């Protein structure tokens, strides 16, 4: 939940939308709008179809040609990587209170200007060492040596240019004192 709320702060970016959807949007779907979206997908979107099992490739091709009016075309090469972002001048802190014993802390860092090699290889190795597992520097230092949290991990989202660090902390170990650096102890 905390990660979804954190990413929603990046308005209109692909990763800002809740991957589980929005109940209000779901209520607006009608059979007609669903069919129109289906037609739009068939006519405008890239569609890859995978058929798994003991089937005849020729029969599958014939079935698709008979039942679906799919236009075959060659995909254009395009980059999946989102644009770099200018760093924020000030840290943005958002607090949301709930009646729970564990505080969730999520921090997002922008990772700009990486080469393709760094994005594919170096970032994955860095993330694994930094916070990607229970053998990481974050886990070992923050949880094991100092007992400051229940868990702590990081996730490098190389296509989105983000590094997300998230943790579960006992409520008694958290203070939202804005006079401290970052506002959190």
Protein backbone atom coordinates (compact mmCIF):
# COMPACT_ATOMS: atom_id res chain seq x y z
CA UNK A 1 0.00 0.00 0.00
CA UNK A 2 2.75 2.44 0.92
CA UNK A 3 4.58 1.83 -2.37
CA UNK A 4 1.40 2.35 -4.39
CA UNK A 5 0.73 5.61 -2.51
CA UNK A 6 4.35 6.71 -3.03
CA UNK A 7 4.31 6.07 -6.77
CA UNK A 8 0.93 7.82 -7.12
CA UNK A 9 2.72 11.09 -6.23
CA UNK A 10 4.35 10.99 -9.68
CA UNK A 11 1.23 12.29 -11.42
CA UNK A 12 0.55 11.05 -14.94
CA UNK A 13 3.61 8.80 -15.11
CA UNK A 14 2.95 5.19 -16.14
CA UNK A 15 3.94 3.87 -12.71
CA UNK A 16 1.71 6.40 -10.86
CA UNK A 17 -1.44 4.42 -11.65
CA UNK A 18 -2.60 1.79 -9.17
CA UNK A 19 -1.89 -1.62 -10.73
CA UNK A 20 -4.97 -3.02 -8.99
CA UNK A 21 -7.25 -0.51 -10.67
CA UNK A 22 -9.75 1.99 -9.42
CA UNK A 23 -13.21 0.92 -8.21
CA UNK A 24 -14.77 4.15 -9.54
CA UNK A 25 -13.38 3.47 -13.01
CA UNK A 26 -14.64 -0.12 -12.84
CA UNK A 27 -18.17 1.07 -12.07
CA UNK A 28 -18.21 3.14 -15.29
CA UNK A 29 -17.50 0.17 -17.57
CA UNK A 30 -20.47 -0.90 -19.70
CA UNK A 31 -20.76 -3.80 -22.15
CA UNK A 32 -20.64 -1.25 -24.98
CA UNK A 33 -17.51 0.53 -23.69
CA UNK A 34 -15.81 -2.81 -23.09
CA UNK A 35 -16.58 -3.89 -26.66
CA UNK A 36 -15.32 -0.55 -28.06
CA UNK A 37 -12.06 -0.97 -26.11
CA UNK A 38 -11.76 -4.51 -27.47
CA UNK A 39 -12.20 -3.26 -31.05
CA UNK A 40 -9.70 -0.47 -30.45
CA UNK A 41 -7.20 -2.99 -29.10
CA UNK A 42 -7.59 -5.23 -32.14
CA UNK A 43 -7.19 -2.33 -34.56
CA UNK A 44 -4.61 -0.15 -32.82
CA UNK A 45 -2.56 -2.10 -30.28
CA UNK A 46 0.31 -4.51 -30.57
CA UNK A 47 -1.01 -7.95 -29.67
CA UNK A 48 1.11 -11.03 -29.06
CA UNK A 49 -0.77 -14.30 -28.79
CA UNK A 50 0.84 -17.33 -27.15
CA UNK A 51 -0.75 -20.75 -27.44
CA UNK A 52 0.74 -23.39 -25.18
CA UNK A 53 0.05 -27.09 -25.32
CA UNK A 54 -0.05 -29.98 -27.73
CA UNK A 55 -1.74 -28.22 -30.62
CA UNK A 56 -1.23 -27.99 -34.35
CA UNK A 57 0.30 -24.62 -35.32
CA UNK A 58 -1.54 -24.76 -38.65
CA UNK A 59 -4.91 -25.35 -36.96
CA UNK A 60 -4.27 -22.46 -34.54
CA UNK A 61 -3.38 -20.10 -37.41
CA UNK A 62 -6.50 -21.17 -39.31
CA UNK A 63 -8.69 -20.70 -36.23
CA UNK A 64 -7.34 -17.20 -35.62
CA UNK A 65 -7.77 -16.19 -39.24
CA UNK A 66 -11.40 -17.39 -39.19
CA UNK A 67 -12.46 -15.99 -35.80
CA UNK A 68 -10.42 -12.78 -35.51
CA UNK A 69 -9.78 -10.04 -38.04
CA UNK A 70 -6.20 -9.39 -36.97
CA UNK A 71 -4.01 -7.30 -39.21
CA UNK A 72 -0.42 -8.51 -39.18
CA UNK A 73 2.26 -5.85 -39.24
CA UNK A 74 5.83 -5.42 -38.19
CA UNK A 75 6.45 -3.77 -34.83
CA UNK A 76 8.42 -0.57 -34.87
CA UNK A 77 11.43 -0.50 -32.59
CA UNK A 78 10.78 1.73 -29.62
CA UNK A 79 12.35 2.31 -26.26
CA UNK A 80 10.50 1.10 -23.19
CA UNK A 81 12.56 3.29 -20.89
CA UNK A 82 10.84 6.37 -19.51
CA UNK A 83 12.47 9.77 -19.73
CA UNK A 84 14.84 11.04 -17.05
CA UNK A 85 13.37 13.39 -14.46
CA UNK A 86 14.85 16.53 -13.02
CA UNK A 87 15.55 16.01 -9.30
CA UNK A 88 13.20 17.67 -6.83
CA UNK A 89 14.56 20.71 -5.03
CA UNK A 90 12.87 19.70 -1.79
CA UNK A 91 12.08 16.36 -0.22
CA UNK A 92 8.36 15.61 -0.25
CA UNK A 93 7.04 13.83 2.83
CA UNK A 94 3.53 12.40 2.99
CA UNK A 95 2.04 11.00 6.22
CA UNK A 96 -1.07 8.84 6.31
CA UNK A 97 -2.34 7.63 9.68
CA UNK A 98 -4.06 4.31 10.31
CA UNK A 99 -4.74 2.20 13.41
CA UNK A 100 -1.92 -0.34 12.96
CA UNK A 101 1.12 -1.41 14.98
CA UNK A 102 3.59 -1.26 12.11
CA UNK A 103 4.57 1.86 10.21
CA UNK A 104 5.36 1.41 6.53
CA UNK A 105 8.06 3.67 5.16
CA UNK A 106 8.66 3.99 1.43
CA UNK A 107 11.31 6.16 -0.20
CA UNK A 108 11.75 6.76 -3.91
CA UNK A 109 14.99 7.82 -5.56
CA UNK A 110 15.39 8.79 -9.20
CA UNK A 111 18.12 6.98 -11.12
CA UNK A 112 18.89 9.09 -14.18
CA UNK A 113 21.50 9.03 -16.92
CA UNK A 114 22.28 5.33 -16.92
CA UNK A 115 23.75 3.68 -19.97
CA UNK A 116 22.01 0.63 -21.39
CA UNK A 117 24.75 -1.57 -19.91
CA UNK A 118 24.37 0.02 -16.45
CA UNK A 119 20.60 -0.37 -16.62
CA UNK A 120 20.74 -4.03 -17.67
CA UNK A 121 23.57 -5.27 -15.51
CA UNK A 122 25.12 -2.86 -12.99
CA UNK A 123 21.80 -1.66 -11.57
CA UNK A 124 20.61 -5.21 -10.94
CA UNK A 125 23.84 -6.13 -9.15
CA UNK A 126 23.76 -2.86 -7.17
CA UNK A 127 20.14 -3.39 -6.11
CA UNK A 128 20.78 -6.96 -4.99
CA UNK A 129 23.75 -5.85 -2.89
CA UNK A 130 22.06 -2.70 -1.57
CA UNK A 131 18.62 -3.95 -0.59
CA UNK A 132 17.31 -6.63 -2.91
CA UNK A 133 17.42 -9.55 -0.48
CA UNK A 134 17.99 -10.65 3.11
CA UNK A 135 21.73 -10.77 2.31
CA UNK A 136 21.83 -7.08 1.38
CA UNK A 137 23.64 -4.19 3.03
CA UNK A 138 20.35 -2.53 4.06
CA UNK A 139 18.94 -5.69 5.62
CA UNK A 140 22.18 -6.55 7.39
CA UNK A 141 22.84 -3.05 8.73
CA UNK A 142 19.38 -1.69 9.47
CA UNK A 143 17.60 -4.86 10.56
CA UNK A 144 20.16 -7.40 11.73
CA UNK A 145 22.84 -5.21 13.35
CA UNK A 146 20.66 -2.35 14.65
CA UNK A 147 17.17 -3.98 14.94
CA UNK A 148 15.50 -0.84 13.59
CA UNK A 149 12.85 -2.51 11.46
CA UNK A 150 10.92 -5.71 10.78
CA UNK A 151 11.98 -5.79 7.14
CA UNK A 152 13.72 -3.55 4.63
CA UNK A 153 14.17 -4.03 0.88
CA UNK A 154 14.80 -2.11 -2.30
CA UNK A 155 13.50 -2.53 -5.81
CA UNK A 156 15.26 -1.06 -8.85
CA UNK A 157 12.74 -0.26 -11.55
CA UNK A 158 15.17 0.16 -14.41
CA UNK A 159 12.59 1.01 -17.08
CA UNK A 160 11.00 3.65 -14.85
CA UNK A 161 14.30 5.16 -13.65
CA UNK A 162 13.35 4.57 -10.00
CA UNK A 163 14.87 2.96 -6.93
CA UNK A 164 12.24 2.27 -4.26
CA UNK A 165 13.25 1.47 -0.68
CA UNK A 166 10.53 0.16 1.63
CA UNK A 167 10.45 -0.94 5.23
CA UNK A 168 8.18 -1.97 8.09
CA UNK A 169 9.01 -0.28 11.41
CA UNK A 170 7.49 -0.48 14.90
CA UNK A 171 5.31 2.61 15.48
CA UNK A 172 7.24 3.38 18.68
CA UNK A 173 10.46 3.81 16.66
CA UNK A 174 9.02 6.47 14.33
CA UNK A 175 8.72 10.18 14.93
CA UNK A 176 7.44 12.66 12.39
CA UNK A 177 9.59 15.49 13.69
CA UNK A 178 10.18 17.93 10.85
CA UNK A 179 13.17 19.45 12.65
CA UNK A 180 15.11 16.23 12.01
CA UNK A 181 16.64 15.54 8.57
CA UNK A 182 13.94 13.98 6.41
CA UNK A 183 11.41 14.30 9.24
CA UNK A 184 11.61 10.65 10.28
CA UNK A 185 13.74 9.00 12.98
